[in-house]
Amino acid sequence: MLHSTLGRFRLMLWLQGISYVLLLFVAFPLRDAGVMPQAVTWFGNLYGFLFLMYLLFMVTMYTSQKWRLRRPIALFFVSFIPLGNMIYDVVVFRKLCRQRNKA
């Protein structure tokens, strides 16, 4: 998986998606319950860093793989949907990887 740029991008896609889910469904409830108010700061910083790395990887993939502009725009908007990155990976990128392995 990590031997290609697409594989590394898929890993970044999953890491960013998991950090977003943790921020929404772990950190915010902990803050609202008053148990751990600093959890949003920690997970928010992690999510912010991974989101910037995700955007950097996306631009790199756009230029190196010669994607049409439609895919990075879709990936940008999908990244704001909880579990959206994972679903996009399963639906689009796994099929793309299978096609490349056959060729």
Protein backbone atom coordinates (compact mmCIF):
# COMPACT_ATOMS: atom_id res chain seq x y z
CA MET A 1 0.00 0.00 0.00
CA LEU A 2 2.77 2.46 0.83
CA HIS A 3 4.80 1.63 -2.27
CA SER A 4 2.92 4.05 -4.50
CA THR A 5 1.83 7.66 -4.24
CA LEU A 6 -1.79 6.56 -4.45
CA GLY A 7 -1.26 4.17 -1.53
CA ARG A 8 0.32 6.89 0.58
CA PHE A 9 -2.53 9.23 -0.30
CA ARG A 10 -5.08 6.59 0.70
CA LEU A 11 -3.31 6.23 4.07
CA MET A 12 -3.47 10.01 4.56
CA LEU A 13 -7.13 9.91 3.56
CA TRP A 14 -7.87 7.36 6.31
CA LEU A 15 -5.81 9.17 8.95
CA GLN A 16 -7.54 12.47 8.25
CA GLY A 17 -10.96 10.80 8.27
CA ILE A 18 -10.30 9.03 11.57
CA SER A 19 -9.05 12.24 13.19
CA TYR A 20 -12.23 14.04 12.07
CA VAL A 21 -14.45 11.31 13.51
CA LEU A 22 -12.49 11.38 16.78
CA LEU A 23 -12.87 15.14 16.97
CA LEU A 24 -16.62 15.05 16.36
CA PHE A 25 -17.62 11.96 18.30
CA VAL A 26 -15.04 11.80 21.12
CA ALA A 27 -13.57 15.23 21.81
CA PHE A 28 -16.74 17.32 21.53
CA PRO A 29 -18.81 15.02 23.80
CA LEU A 30 -15.98 14.98 26.34
CA ARG A 31 -15.88 18.78 26.31
CA ASP A 32 -19.66 19.13 26.53
CA ALA A 33 -19.81 16.69 29.43
CA GLY A 34 -17.22 18.76 31.25
CA VAL A 35 -15.00 15.73 31.70
CA MET A 36 -12.07 16.81 29.55
CA PRO A 37 -12.37 20.28 28.01
CA GLN A 38 -8.83 20.24 26.58
CA ALA A 39 -9.66 17.21 24.38
CA VAL A 40 -11.01 19.50 21.65
CA THR A 41 -7.72 21.39 21.60
CA TRP A 42 -5.68 18.22 21.28
CA PHE A 43 -7.84 16.51 18.69
CA GLY A 44 -8.43 19.81 16.90
CA ASN A 45 -4.70 20.38 16.50
CA LEU A 46 -4.23 16.83 15.26
CA TYR A 47 -7.12 17.18 12.83
CA GLY A 48 -5.85 20.54 11.58
CA PHE A 49 -2.36 19.19 10.93
CA LEU A 50 -3.68 16.09 9.16
CA PHE A 51 -6.12 18.18 7.12
CA LEU A 52 -3.31 20.42 5.87
CA MET A 53 -1.22 17.34 5.02
CA TYR A 54 -4.26 15.87 3.27
CA LEU A 55 -4.61 19.01 1.13
CA LEU A 56 -0.90 18.94 0.33
CA PHE A 57 -1.09 15.28 -0.69
CA MET A 58 -4.20 16.03 -2.76
CA VAL A 59 -2.44 18.79 -4.70
CA THR A 60 0.54 16.49 -5.21
CA MET A 61 -1.71 13.73 -6.52
CA TYR A 62 -3.55 16.20 -8.77
CA THR A 63 -0.33 17.29 -10.43
CA SER A 64 1.54 13.96 -10.53
CA GLN A 65 -1.36 11.71 -11.53
CA LYS A 66 -2.89 14.29 -13.89
CA TRP A 67 -6.32 14.04 -12.28
CA ARG A 68 -9.17 16.10 -13.63
CA LEU A 69 -10.17 18.97 -11.36
CA ARG A 70 -13.39 17.17 -10.45
CA ARG A 71 -11.69 14.60 -8.19
CA PRO A 72 -9.80 17.04 -5.88
CA ILE A 73 -12.91 19.19 -5.53
CA ALA A 74 -14.97 16.11 -4.62
CA LEU A 75 -12.29 14.97 -2.16
CA PHE A 76 -12.25 18.41 -0.52
CA PHE A 77 -16.00 18.43 0.08
CA VAL A 78 -16.16 14.75 1.06
CA SER A 79 -13.56 15.38 3.77
CA PHE A 80 -16.12 17.43 5.76
CA ILE A 81 -18.59 14.53 5.94
CA PRO A 82 -17.97 12.15 8.85
CA LEU A 83 -16.71 8.85 7.39
CA GLY A 84 -16.86 10.45 3.91
CA ASN A 85 -13.17 9.82 3.22
CA MET A 86 -13.46 6.16 4.06
CA ILE A 87 -16.53 5.70 1.88
CA TYR A 88 -14.85 7.53 -1.02
CA ASP A 89 -11.81 5.28 -0.62
CA VAL A 90 -13.87 2.12 -0.70
CA VAL A 91 -16.02 3.23 -3.64
CA VAL A 92 -13.47 5.00 -5.86
CA PHE A 93 -9.85 4.36 -4.93
CA ARG A 94 -10.02 0.61 -4.34
CA LYS A 95 -11.59 0.20 -7.77
CA LEU A 96 -8.86 2.42 -9.24
CA CYS A 97 -6.14 0.35 -7.54
CA ARG A 98 -7.63 -2.89 -8.85
CA GLN A 99 -7.68 -1.49 -12.39
CA ARG A 100 -4.03 -0.43 -12.12
CA ASN A 101 -2.97 -3.82 -10.76
CA LYS A 102 -4.64 -5.63 -13.66
CA ALA A 103 -2.90 -3.47 -16.25
